[in-house]
Amino acid sequence: MLKLTSAVIAAVGASALIVAAAAPADARTCVNKAGQGTNTTEEGAKFQAYEAILQATDWGMWANWMVTSQKVGQAPGYTVSRLRFKCQPGGLGSTCVGQATLCK
């Protein structure tokens, strides 16, 4: 009985190692977000749209971004990709809709 129990424990342990090895070490969670902004300049409208994207993703990260970089295309703790804007005249001067993929 002791040999059987030891064999079962060894098999379960080996199975756990195989499952753990199969899981990617860099598994990331990604989200696609969009935001709209209006400003007197196109650059300002892009900034507002990007702020909306960050707020829709993670309020804590947005707050960190506000006190650190405030650079469009950066997001503390996230990788930003596929960032694009579509802007047109309107609102206070220019209105932009931005889209991005953010991965944590």
PDB file of N, CA and C in Angstrom:
ATOM      1  N   MET A   1       0.827  -1.189   0.000  1.00  0.00           N
ATOM      2  CA  MET A   1       0.000   0.000   0.000  1.00  0.00           C
ATOM      3  C   MET A   1       0.870   1.251   0.000  1.00  0.00           C
ATOM      4  N   LEU A   2       1.979   1.220   0.761  1.00  0.00           N
ATOM      5  CA  LEU A   2       2.879   2.367   0.832  1.00  0.00           C
ATOM      6  C   LEU A   2       3.502   2.656  -0.532  1.00  0.00           C
ATOM      7  N   LYS A   3       3.871   1.584  -1.281  1.00  0.00           N
ATOM      8  CA  LYS A   3       4.451   1.766  -2.607  1.00  0.00           C
ATOM      9  C   LYS A   3       3.431   2.388  -3.553  1.00  0.00           C
ATOM     10  N   LEU A   4       2.177   1.961  -3.463  1.00  0.00           N
ATOM     11  CA  LEU A   4       1.117   2.493  -4.318  1.00  0.00           C
ATOM     12  C   LEU A   4       0.880   3.966  -4.010  1.00  0.00           C
ATOM     13  N   THR A   5       0.838   4.324  -2.734  1.00  0.00           N
ATOM     14  CA  THR A   5       0.630   5.718  -2.334  1.00  0.00           C
ATOM     15  C   THR A   5       1.784   6.587  -2.822  1.00  0.00           C
ATOM     16  N   SER A   6       3.006   6.107  -2.676  1.00  0.00           N
ATOM     17  CA  SER A   6       4.175   6.858  -3.144  1.00  0.00           C
ATOM     18  C   SER A   6       4.135   7.043  -4.654  1.00  0.00           C
ATOM     19  N   ALA A   7       3.712   6.016  -5.368  1.00  0.00           N
ATOM     20  CA  ALA A   7       3.623   6.104  -6.828  1.00  0.00           C
ATOM     21  C   ALA A   7       2.565   7.123  -7.243  1.00  0.00           C
ATOM     22  N   VAL A   8       1.442   7.148  -6.548  1.00  0.00           N
ATOM     23  CA  VAL A   8       0.375   8.108  -6.859  1.00  0.00           C
ATOM     24  C   VAL A   8       0.855   9.530  -6.582  1.00  0.00           C
ATOM     25  N   ILE A   9       1.515   9.734  -5.459  1.00  0.00           N
ATOM     26  CA  ILE A   9       2.031  11.066  -5.118  1.00  0.00           C
ATOM     27  C   ILE A   9       3.056  11.516  -6.160  1.00  0.00           C
ATOM     28  N   ALA A  10       3.925  10.620  -6.584  1.00  0.00           N
ATOM     29  CA  ALA A  10       4.926  10.959  -7.596  1.00  0.00           C
ATOM     30  C   ALA A  10       4.263  11.310  -8.921  1.00  0.00           C
ATOM     31  N   ALA A  11       3.226  10.563  -9.297  1.00  0.00           N
ATOM     32  CA  ALA A  11       2.519  10.837 -10.551  1.00  0.00           C
ATOM     33  C   ALA A  11       1.809  12.185 -10.500  1.00  0.00           C
ATOM     34  N   VAL A  12       1.181  12.492  -9.375  1.00  0.00           N
ATOM     35  CA  VAL A  12       0.500  13.779  -9.219  1.00  0.00           C
ATOM     36  C   VAL A  12       1.518  14.917  -9.271  1.00  0.00           C
ATOM     37  N   GLY A  13       2.637  14.732  -8.611  1.00  0.00           N
ATOM     38  CA  GLY A  13       3.688  15.755  -8.633  1.00  0.00           C
ATOM     39  C   GLY A  13       4.226  15.982 -10.036  1.00  0.00           C
ATOM     40  N   ALA A  14       4.450  14.906 -10.776  1.00  0.00           N
ATOM     41  CA  ALA A  14       4.942  15.028 -12.150  1.00  0.00           C
ATOM     42  C   ALA A  14       3.912  15.724 -13.031  1.00  0.00           C
ATOM     43  N   SER A  15       2.639  15.406 -12.833  1.00  0.00           N
ATOM     44  CA  SER A  15       1.573  16.059 -13.604  1.00  0.00           C
ATOM     45  C   SER A  15       1.534  17.548 -13.315  1.00  0.00           C
ATOM     46  N   ALA A  16       1.698  17.923 -12.062  1.00  0.00           N
ATOM     47  CA  ALA A  16       1.690  19.341 -11.689  1.00  0.00           C
ATOM     48  C   ALA A  16       2.849  20.077 -12.347  1.00  0.00           C
ATOM     49  N   LEU A  17       4.010  19.447 -12.414  1.00  0.00           N
ATOM     50  CA  LEU A  17       5.161  20.074 -13.064  1.00  0.00           C
ATOM     51  C   LEU A  17       4.926  20.258 -14.554  1.00  0.00           C
ATOM     52  N   ILE A  18       4.309  19.275 -15.185  1.00  0.00           N
ATOM     53  CA  ILE A  18       4.026  19.373 -16.620  1.00  0.00           C
ATOM     54  C   ILE A  18       3.044  20.507 -16.887  1.00  0.00           C
ATOM     55  N   VAL A  19       2.004  20.609 -16.087  1.00  0.00           N
ATOM     56  CA  VAL A  19       1.016  21.677 -16.251  1.00  0.00           C
ATOM     57  C   VAL A  19       1.665  23.032 -16.013  1.00  0.00           C
ATOM     58  N   ALA A  20       2.491  23.140 -14.991  1.00  0.00           N
ATOM     59  CA  ALA A  20       3.161  24.409 -14.697  1.00  0.00           C
ATOM     60  C   ALA A  20       4.113  24.793 -15.826  1.00  0.00           C
ATOM     61  N   ALA A  21       4.789  23.820 -16.400  1.00  0.00           N
ATOM     62  CA  ALA A  21       5.716  24.098 -17.491  1.00  0.00           C
ATOM     63  C   ALA A  21       4.978  24.505 -18.759  1.00  0.00           C
ATOM     64  N   ALA A  22       3.758  24.031 -18.937  1.00  0.00           N
ATOM     65  CA  ALA A  22       2.989  24.353 -20.133  1.00  0.00           C
ATOM     66  C   ALA A  22       2.444  25.775 -20.095  1.00  0.00           C
ATOM     67  N   ALA A  23       2.265  26.335 -18.907  1.00  0.00           N
ATOM     68  CA  ALA A  23       1.750  27.702 -18.793  1.00  0.00           C
ATOM     69  C   ALA A  23       2.861  28.681 -19.163  1.00  0.00           C
ATOM     70  N   PRO A  24       2.569  29.624 -20.074  1.00  0.00           N
ATOM     71  CA  PRO A  24       3.609  30.576 -20.457  1.00  0.00           C
ATOM     72  C   PRO A  24       3.987  31.477 -19.294  1.00  0.00           C
ATOM     73  N   ALA A  25       5.279  31.695 -19.130  1.00  0.00           N
ATOM     74  CA  ALA A  25       5.762  32.501 -18.008  1.00  0.00           C
ATOM     75  C   ALA A  25       5.412  33.970 -18.179  1.00  0.00           C
ATOM     76  N   ASP A  26       5.238  34.408 -19.425  1.00  0.00           N
ATOM     77  CA  ASP A  26       4.964  35.817 -19.661  1.00  0.00           C
ATOM     78  C   ASP A  26       3.519  36.048 -20.124  1.00  0.00           C
ATOM     79  N   ALA A  27       2.607  35.245 -19.624  1.00  0.00           N
ATOM     80  CA  ALA A  27       1.201  35.417 -19.991  1.00  0.00           C
ATOM     81  C   ALA A  27       0.755  36.811 -19.573  1.00  0.00           C
ATOM     82  N   ARG A  28       0.161  37.539 -20.526  1.00  0.00           N
ATOM     83  CA  ARG A  28      -0.246  38.905 -20.248  1.00  0.00           C
ATOM     84  C   ARG A  28      -1.731  39.058 -20.509  1.00  0.00           C
ATOM     85  N   THR A  29      -2.295  40.006 -19.809  1.00  0.00           N
ATOM     86  CA  THR A  29      -3.688  40.348 -20.022  1.00  0.00           C
ATOM     87  C   THR A  29      -3.722  41.623 -20.843  1.00  0.00           C
ATOM     88  N   CYS A  30      -4.411  41.587 -21.967  1.00  0.00           N
ATOM     89  CA  CYS A  30      -4.490  42.749 -22.850  1.00  0.00           C
ATOM     90  C   CYS A  30      -5.934  43.205 -23.002  1.00  0.00           C
ATOM     91  N   VAL A  31      -6.100  44.516 -23.139  1.00  0.00           N
ATOM     92  CA  VAL A  31      -7.420  45.098 -23.372  1.00  0.00           C
ATOM     93  C   VAL A  31      -7.315  46.092 -24.521  1.00  0.00           C
ATOM     94  N   ASN A  32      -8.379  46.186 -25.295  1.00  0.00           N
ATOM     95  CA  ASN A  32      -8.492  47.190 -26.347  1.00  0.00           C
ATOM     96  C   ASN A  32      -9.418  48.270 -25.831  1.00  0.00           C
ATOM     97  N   LYS A  33      -8.965  49.514 -25.889  1.00  0.00           N
ATOM     98  CA  LYS A  33      -9.761  50.632 -25.367  1.00  0.00           C
ATOM     99  C   LYS A  33      -9.785  51.765 -26.382  1.00  0.00           C
ATOM    100  N   ALA A  34     -10.811  52.594 -26.268  1.00  0.00           N
ATOM    101  CA  ALA A  34     -10.940  53.780 -27.114  1.00  0.00           C
ATOM    102  C   ALA A  34     -11.377  54.947 -26.246  1.00  0.00           C
ATOM    103  N   GLY A  35     -11.052  56.153 -26.697  1.00  0.00           N
ATOM    104  CA  GLY A  35     -11.452  57.356 -25.978  1.00  0.00           C
ATOM    105  C   GLY A  35     -11.564  58.520 -26.945  1.00  0.00           C
ATOM    106  N   GLN A  36     -12.328  59.516 -26.554  1.00  0.00           N
ATOM    107  CA  GLN A  36     -12.527  60.698 -27.389  1.00  0.00           C
ATOM    108  C   GLN A  36     -12.107  61.936 -26.621  1.00  0.00           C
ATOM    109  N   GLY A  37     -11.500  62.883 -27.332  1.00  0.00           N
ATOM    110  CA  GLY A  37     -11.074  64.127 -26.708  1.00  0.00           C
ATOM    111  C   GLY A  37     -11.311  65.317 -27.612  1.00  0.00           C
ATOM    112  N   THR A  38     -11.537  66.462 -27.001  1.00  0.00           N
ATOM    113  CA  THR A  38     -11.741  67.717 -27.726  1.00  0.00           C
ATOM    114  C   THR A  38     -10.840  68.777 -27.122  1.00  0.00           C
ATOM    115  N   ASN A  39     -10.238  69.592 -27.992  1.00  0.00           N
ATOM    116  CA  ASN A  39      -9.362  70.658 -27.522  1.00  0.00           C
ATOM    117  C   ASN A  39      -9.228  71.698 -28.626  1.00  0.00           C
ATOM    118  N   THR A  40      -8.603  72.817 -28.304  1.00  0.00           N
ATOM    119  CA  THR A  40      -8.392  73.858 -29.307  1.00  0.00           C
ATOM    120  C   THR A  40      -7.348  73.448 -30.336  1.00  0.00           C
ATOM    121  N   THR A  41      -6.471  72.491 -29.980  1.00  0.00           N
ATOM    122  CA  THR A  41      -5.459  71.990 -30.913  1.00  0.00           C
ATOM    123  C   THR A  41      -5.635  70.485 -31.092  1.00  0.00           C
ATOM    124  N   GLU A  42      -5.141  69.983 -32.216  1.00  0.00           N
ATOM    125  CA  GLU A  42      -5.207  68.542 -32.454  1.00  0.00           C
ATOM    126  C   GLU A  42      -4.356  67.789 -31.433  1.00  0.00           C
ATOM    127  N   GLU A  43      -3.199  68.328 -31.097  1.00  0.00           N
ATOM    128  CA  GLU A  43      -2.332  67.691 -30.097  1.00  0.00           C
ATOM    129  C   GLU A  43      -3.045  67.581 -28.748  1.00  0.00           C
ATOM    130  N   GLY A  44      -3.740  68.642 -28.352  1.00  0.00           N
ATOM    131  CA  GLY A  44      -4.490  68.628 -27.096  1.00  0.00           C
ATOM    132  C   GLY A  44      -5.641  67.641 -27.125  1.00  0.00           C
ATOM    133  N   ALA A  45      -6.306  67.532 -28.280  1.00  0.00           N
ATOM    134  CA  ALA A  45      -7.412  66.580 -28.414  1.00  0.00           C
ATOM    135  C   ALA A  45      -6.905  65.142 -28.328  1.00  0.00           C
ATOM    136  N   LYS A  46      -5.729  64.878 -28.905  1.00  0.00           N
ATOM    137  CA  LYS A  46      -5.130  63.539 -28.795  1.00  0.00           C
ATOM    138  C   LYS A  46      -4.790  63.235 -27.339  1.00  0.00           C
ATOM    139  N   PHE A  47      -4.259  64.225 -26.630  1.00  0.00           N
ATOM    140  CA  PHE A  47      -3.935  64.054 -25.215  1.00  0.00           C
ATOM    141  C   PHE A  47      -5.196  63.698 -24.423  1.00  0.00           C
ATOM    142  N   GLN A  48      -6.284  64.420 -24.660  1.00  0.00           N
ATOM    143  CA  GLN A  48      -7.539  64.157 -23.950  1.00  0.00           C
ATOM    144  C   GLN A  48      -8.080  62.768 -24.286  1.00  0.00           C
ATOM    145  N   ALA A  49      -7.996  62.381 -25.553  1.00  0.00           N
ATOM    146  CA  ALA A  49      -8.463  61.052 -25.959  1.00  0.00           C
ATOM    147  C   ALA A  49      -7.623  59.966 -25.295  1.00  0.00           C
ATOM    148  N   TYR A  50      -6.305  60.184 -25.230  1.00  0.00           N
ATOM    149  CA  TYR A  50      -5.429  59.196 -24.600  1.00  0.00           C
ATOM    150  C   TYR A  50      -5.708  59.097 -23.104  1.00  0.00           C
ATOM    151  N   GLU A  51      -5.963  60.229 -22.472  1.00  0.00           N
ATOM    152  CA  GLU A  51      -6.352  60.213 -21.052  1.00  0.00           C
ATOM    153  C   GLU A  51      -7.589  59.352 -20.838  1.00  0.00           C
ATOM    154  N   ALA A  52      -8.573  59.496 -21.724  1.00  0.00           N
ATOM    155  CA  ALA A  52      -9.804  58.703 -21.611  1.00  0.00           C
ATOM    156  C   ALA A  52      -9.505  57.214 -21.760  1.00  0.00           C
ATOM    157  N   ILE A  53      -8.575  56.863 -22.646  1.00  0.00           N
ATOM    158  CA  ILE A  53      -8.180  55.458 -22.817  1.00  0.00           C
ATOM    159  C   ILE A  53      -7.577  54.926 -21.522  1.00  0.00           C
ATOM    160  N   LEU A  54      -6.678  55.696 -20.923  1.00  0.00           N
ATOM    161  CA  LEU A  54      -6.031  55.255 -19.680  1.00  0.00           C
ATOM    162  C   LEU A  54      -7.034  55.139 -18.539  1.00  0.00           C
ATOM    163  N   GLN A  55      -7.948  56.093 -18.430  1.00  0.00           N
ATOM    164  CA  GLN A  55      -8.960  56.053 -17.371  1.00  0.00           C
ATOM    165  C   GLN A  55      -9.870  54.844 -17.539  1.00  0.00           C
ATOM    166  N   ALA A  56     -10.181  54.503 -18.778  1.00  0.00           N
ATOM    167  CA  ALA A  56     -11.037  53.337 -19.030  1.00  0.00           C
ATOM    168  C   ALA A  56     -10.311  52.032 -18.717  1.00  0.00           C
ATOM    169  N   THR A  57      -8.983  52.079 -18.708  1.00  0.00           N
ATOM    170  CA  THR A  57      -8.188  50.878 -18.450  1.00  0.00           C
ATOM    171  C   THR A  57      -7.947  50.670 -16.961  1.00  0.00           C
ATOM    172  N   ASP A  58      -7.441  51.709 -16.277  1.00  0.00           N
ATOM    173  CA  ASP A  58      -7.040  51.547 -14.873  1.00  0.00           C
ATOM    174  C   ASP A  58      -6.852  52.934 -14.260  1.00  0.00           C
ATOM    175  N   TRP A  59      -7.749  53.306 -13.342  1.00  0.00           N
ATOM    176  CA  TRP A  59      -7.691  54.638 -12.736  1.00  0.00           C
ATOM    177  C   TRP A  59      -6.395  54.864 -11.965  1.00  0.00           C
ATOM    178  N   GLY A  60      -5.897  53.845 -11.280  1.00  0.00           N
ATOM    179  CA  GLY A  60      -4.650  53.975 -10.533  1.00  0.00           C
ATOM    180  C   GLY A  60      -3.471  54.237 -11.454  1.00  0.00           C
ATOM    181  N   MET A  61      -3.426  53.530 -12.584  1.00  0.00           N
ATOM    182  CA  MET A  61      -2.357  53.728 -13.558  1.00  0.00           C
ATOM    183  C   MET A  61      -2.457  55.124 -14.158  1.00  0.00           C
ATOM    184  N   TRP A  62      -3.679  55.586 -14.446  1.00  0.00           N
ATOM    185  CA  TRP A  62      -3.868  56.939 -14.985  1.00  0.00           C
ATOM    186  C   TRP A  62      -3.331  57.989 -14.011  1.00  0.00           C
ATOM    187  N   ALA A  63      -3.638  57.829 -12.711  1.00  0.00           N
ATOM    188  CA  ALA A  63      -3.158  58.779 -11.706  1.00  0.00           C
ATOM    189  C   ALA A  63      -1.629  58.794 -11.666  1.00  0.00           C
ATOM    190  N   ASN A  64      -1.017  57.618 -11.749  1.00  0.00           N
ATOM    191  CA  ASN A  64       0.440  57.514 -11.784  1.00  0.00           C
ATOM    192  C   ASN A  64       0.986  58.214 -13.029  1.00  0.00           C
ATOM    193  N   TRP A  65       0.341  58.006 -14.161  1.00  0.00           N
ATOM    194  CA  TRP A  65       0.750  58.635 -15.419  1.00  0.00           C
ATOM    195  C   TRP A  65       0.670  60.155 -15.318  1.00  0.00           C
ATOM    196  N   MET A  66      -0.361  60.655 -14.649  1.00  0.00           N
ATOM    197  CA  MET A  66      -0.549  62.103 -14.515  1.00  0.00           C
ATOM    198  C   MET A  66       0.578  62.750 -13.708  1.00  0.00           C
ATOM    199  N   VAL A  67       1.109  62.043 -12.713  1.00  0.00           N
ATOM    200  CA  VAL A  67       2.164  62.643 -11.882  1.00  0.00           C
ATOM    201  C   VAL A  67       3.574  62.270 -12.353  1.00  0.00           C
ATOM    202  N   THR A  68       3.670  61.424 -13.387  1.00  0.00           N
ATOM    203  CA  THR A  68       4.999  61.045 -13.873  1.00  0.00           C
ATOM    204  C   THR A  68       5.229  61.589 -15.280  1.00  0.00           C
ATOM    205  N   SER A  69       4.820  60.871 -16.309  1.00  0.00           N
ATOM    206  CA  SER A  69       5.239  61.221 -17.668  1.00  0.00           C
ATOM    207  C   SER A  69       4.281  62.144 -18.414  1.00  0.00           C
ATOM    208  N   GLN A  70       3.014  61.867 -18.360  1.00  0.00           N
ATOM    209  CA  GLN A  70       2.000  62.561 -19.168  1.00  0.00           C
ATOM    210  C   GLN A  70       2.374  62.558 -20.648  1.00  0.00           C
ATOM    211  N   LYS A  71       2.955  61.460 -21.116  1.00  0.00           N
ATOM    212  CA  LYS A  71       3.322  61.339 -22.522  1.00  0.00           C
ATOM    213  C   LYS A  71       2.383  60.356 -23.205  1.00  0.00           C
ATOM    214  N   VAL A  72       1.811  60.793 -24.311  1.00  0.00           N
ATOM    215  CA  VAL A  72       0.930  59.928 -25.086  1.00  0.00           C
ATOM    216  C   VAL A  72       1.748  58.741 -25.587  1.00  0.00           C
ATOM    217  N   GLY A  73       1.226  57.543 -25.378  1.00  0.00           N
ATOM    218  CA  GLY A  73       1.913  56.324 -25.780  1.00  0.00           C
ATOM    219  C   GLY A  73       2.581  55.598 -24.626  1.00  0.00           C
ATOM    220  N   GLN A  74       2.606  56.225 -23.448  1.00  0.00           N
ATOM    221  CA  GLN A  74       3.159  55.582 -22.257  1.00  0.00           C
ATOM    222  C   GLN A  74       2.038  55.300 -21.264  1.00  0.00           C
ATOM    223  N   ALA A  75       2.198  54.222 -20.499  1.00  0.00           N
ATOM    224  CA  ALA A  75       1.240  53.849 -19.461  1.00  0.00           C
ATOM    225  C   ALA A  75       1.991  53.032 -18.414  1.00  0.00           C
ATOM    226  N   PRO A  76       2.203  53.576 -17.212  1.00  0.00           N
ATOM    227  CA  PRO A  76       2.979  52.878 -16.184  1.00  0.00           C
ATOM    228  C   PRO A  76       2.441  51.470 -15.890  1.00  0.00           C
ATOM    229  N   GLY A  77       3.308  50.463 -16.034  1.00  0.00           N
ATOM    230  CA  GLY A  77       2.928  49.083 -15.757  1.00  0.00           C
ATOM    231  C   GLY A  77       2.267  48.376 -16.929  1.00  0.00           C
ATOM    232  N   TYR A  78       2.101  49.063 -18.049  1.00  0.00           N
ATOM    233  CA  TYR A  78       1.452  48.488 -19.227  1.00  0.00           C
ATOM    234  C   TYR A  78       2.343  48.686 -20.450  1.00  0.00           C
ATOM    235  N   THR A  79       2.163  47.811 -21.428  1.00  0.00           N
ATOM    236  CA  THR A  79       2.768  47.984 -22.736  1.00  0.00           C
ATOM    237  C   THR A  79       1.673  48.478 -23.668  1.00  0.00           C
ATOM    238  N   VAL A  80       1.924  49.582 -24.341  1.00  0.00           N
ATOM    239  CA  VAL A  80       0.933  50.177 -25.238  1.00  0.00           C
ATOM    240  C   VAL A  80       1.297  49.814 -26.674  1.00  0.00           C
ATOM    241  N   SER A  81       0.315  49.312 -27.423  1.00  0.00           N
ATOM    242  CA  SER A  81       0.541  49.002 -28.835  1.00  0.00           C
ATOM    243  C   SER A  81      -0.697  49.396 -29.639  1.00  0.00           C
ATOM    244  N   ARG A  82      -0.527  49.395 -30.924  1.00  0.00           N
ATOM    245  CA  ARG A  82      -1.600  49.727 -31.873  1.00  0.00           C
ATOM    246  C   ARG A  82      -2.317  51.033 -31.512  1.00  0.00           C
ATOM    247  N   LEU A  83      -1.552  52.031 -31.097  1.00  0.00           N
ATOM    248  CA  LEU A  83      -2.118  53.334 -30.755  1.00  0.00           C
ATOM    249  C   LEU A  83      -2.355  54.111 -32.042  1.00  0.00           C
ATOM    250  N   ARG A  84      -3.580  54.553 -32.238  1.00  0.00           N
ATOM    251  CA  ARG A  84      -3.905  55.339 -33.426  1.00  0.00           C
ATOM    252  C   ARG A  84      -4.992  56.350 -33.096  1.00  0.00           C
ATOM    253  N   PHE A  85      -5.010  57.432 -33.850  1.00  0.00           N
ATOM    254  CA  PHE A  85      -5.978  58.502 -33.649  1.00  0.00           C
ATOM    255  C   PHE A  85      -6.617  58.867 -34.980  1.00  0.00           C
ATOM    256  N   LYS A  86      -7.869  59.254 -34.903  1.00  0.00           N
ATOM    257  CA  LYS A  86      -8.569  59.816 -36.058  1.00  0.00           C
ATOM    258  C   LYS A  86      -9.108  61.159 -35.591  1.00  0.00           C
ATOM    259  N   CYS A  87      -8.633  62.235 -36.207  1.00  0.00           N
ATOM    260  CA  CYS A  87      -8.994  63.583 -35.773  1.00  0.00           C
ATOM    261  C   CYS A  87      -9.722  64.327 -36.888  1.00  0.00           C
ATOM    262  N   GLN A  88     -10.577  65.252 -36.464  1.00  0.00           N
ATOM    263  CA  GLN A  88     -11.294  66.103 -37.415  1.00  0.00           C
ATOM    264  C   GLN A  88     -11.652  67.415 -36.733  1.00  0.00           C
ATOM    265  N   PRO A  89     -11.887  68.450 -37.519  1.00  0.00           N
ATOM    266  CA  PRO A  89     -12.306  69.723 -36.931  1.00  0.00           C
ATOM    267  C   PRO A  89     -13.659  69.563 -36.237  1.00  0.00           C
ATOM    268  N   GLY A  90     -13.815  70.209 -35.100  1.00  0.00           N
ATOM    269  CA  GLY A  90     -15.084  70.135 -34.376  1.00  0.00           C
ATOM    270  C   GLY A  90     -14.879  70.422 -32.911  1.00  0.00           C
ATOM    271  N   GLY A  91     -15.978  70.539 -32.190  1.00  0.00           N
ATOM    272  CA  GLY A  91     -15.893  70.829 -30.767  1.00  0.00           C
ATOM    273  C   GLY A  91     -15.278  72.193 -30.540  1.00  0.00           C
ATOM    274  N   LEU A  92     -14.250  72.261 -29.730  1.00  0.00           N
ATOM    275  CA  LEU A  92     -13.560  73.521 -29.443  1.00  0.00           C
ATOM    276  C   LEU A  92     -12.562  73.894 -30.534  1.00  0.00           C
ATOM    277  N   GLY A  93     -12.294  73.003 -31.431  1.00  0.00           N
ATOM    278  CA  GLY A  93     -11.307  73.225 -32.485  1.00  0.00           C
ATOM    279  C   GLY A  93     -10.974  71.929 -33.192  1.00  0.00           C
ATOM    280  N   SER A  94     -10.707  70.890 -32.407  1.00  0.00           N
ATOM    281  CA  SER A  94     -10.376  69.584 -32.965  1.00  0.00           C
ATOM    282  C   SER A  94     -10.916  68.499 -32.040  1.00  0.00           C
ATOM    283  N   THR A  95     -11.434  67.444 -32.653  1.00  0.00           N
ATOM    284  CA  THR A  95     -11.926  66.289 -31.901  1.00  0.00           C
ATOM    285  C   THR A  95     -11.190  65.054 -32.409  1.00  0.00           C
ATOM    286  N   CYS A  96     -10.665  64.263 -31.493  1.00  0.00           N
ATOM    287  CA  CYS A  96      -9.930  63.048 -31.850  1.00  0.00           C
ATOM    288  C   CYS A  96     -10.512  61.841 -31.126  1.00  0.00           C
ATOM    289  N   VAL A  97     -10.552  60.731 -31.838  1.00  0.00           N
ATOM    290  CA  VAL A  97     -10.894  59.441 -31.241  1.00  0.00           C
ATOM    291  C   VAL A  97      -9.625  58.609 -31.302  1.00  0.00           C
ATOM    292  N   GLY A  98      -9.222  58.092 -30.163  1.00  0.00           N
ATOM    293  CA  GLY A  98      -8.017  57.278 -30.091  1.00  0.00           C
ATOM    294  C   GLY A  98      -8.354  55.841 -29.740  1.00  0.00           C
ATOM    295  N   GLN A  99      -7.535  54.924 -30.211  1.00  0.00           N
ATOM    296  CA  GLN A  99      -7.676  53.505 -29.890  1.00  0.00           C
ATOM    297  C   GLN A  99      -6.295  52.955 -29.558  1.00  0.00           C
ATOM    298  N   ALA A 100      -6.259  52.020 -28.617  1.00  0.00           N
ATOM    299  CA  ALA A 100      -4.986  51.407 -28.235  1.00  0.00           C
ATOM    300  C   ALA A 100      -5.229  50.044 -27.607  1.00  0.00           C
ATOM    301  N   THR A 101      -4.204  49.215 -27.653  1.00  0.00           N
ATOM    302  CA  THR A 101      -4.177  47.950 -26.930  1.00  0.00           C
ATOM    303  C   THR A 101      -3.176  48.115 -25.797  1.00  0.00           C
ATOM    304  N   LEU A 102      -3.621  47.806 -24.579  1.00  0.00           N
ATOM    305  CA  LEU A 102      -2.754  47.904 -23.403  1.00  0.00           C
ATOM    306  C   LEU A 102      -2.633  46.524 -22.777  1.00  0.00           C
ATOM    307  N   CYS A 103      -1.399  46.090 -22.543  1.00  0.00           N
ATOM    308  CA  CYS A 103      -1.138  44.775 -21.956  1.00  0.00           C
ATOM    309  C   CYS A 103      -0.409  44.941 -20.633  1.00  0.00           C
ATOM    310  N   LYS A 104      -0.848  44.172 -19.650  1.00  0.00           N
ATOM    311  CA  LYS A 104      -0.239  44.225 -18.319  1.00  0.00           C
ATOM    312  C   LYS A 104       0.502  42.935 -18.062  1.00  0.00           C
TER     313      LYS A 104
END
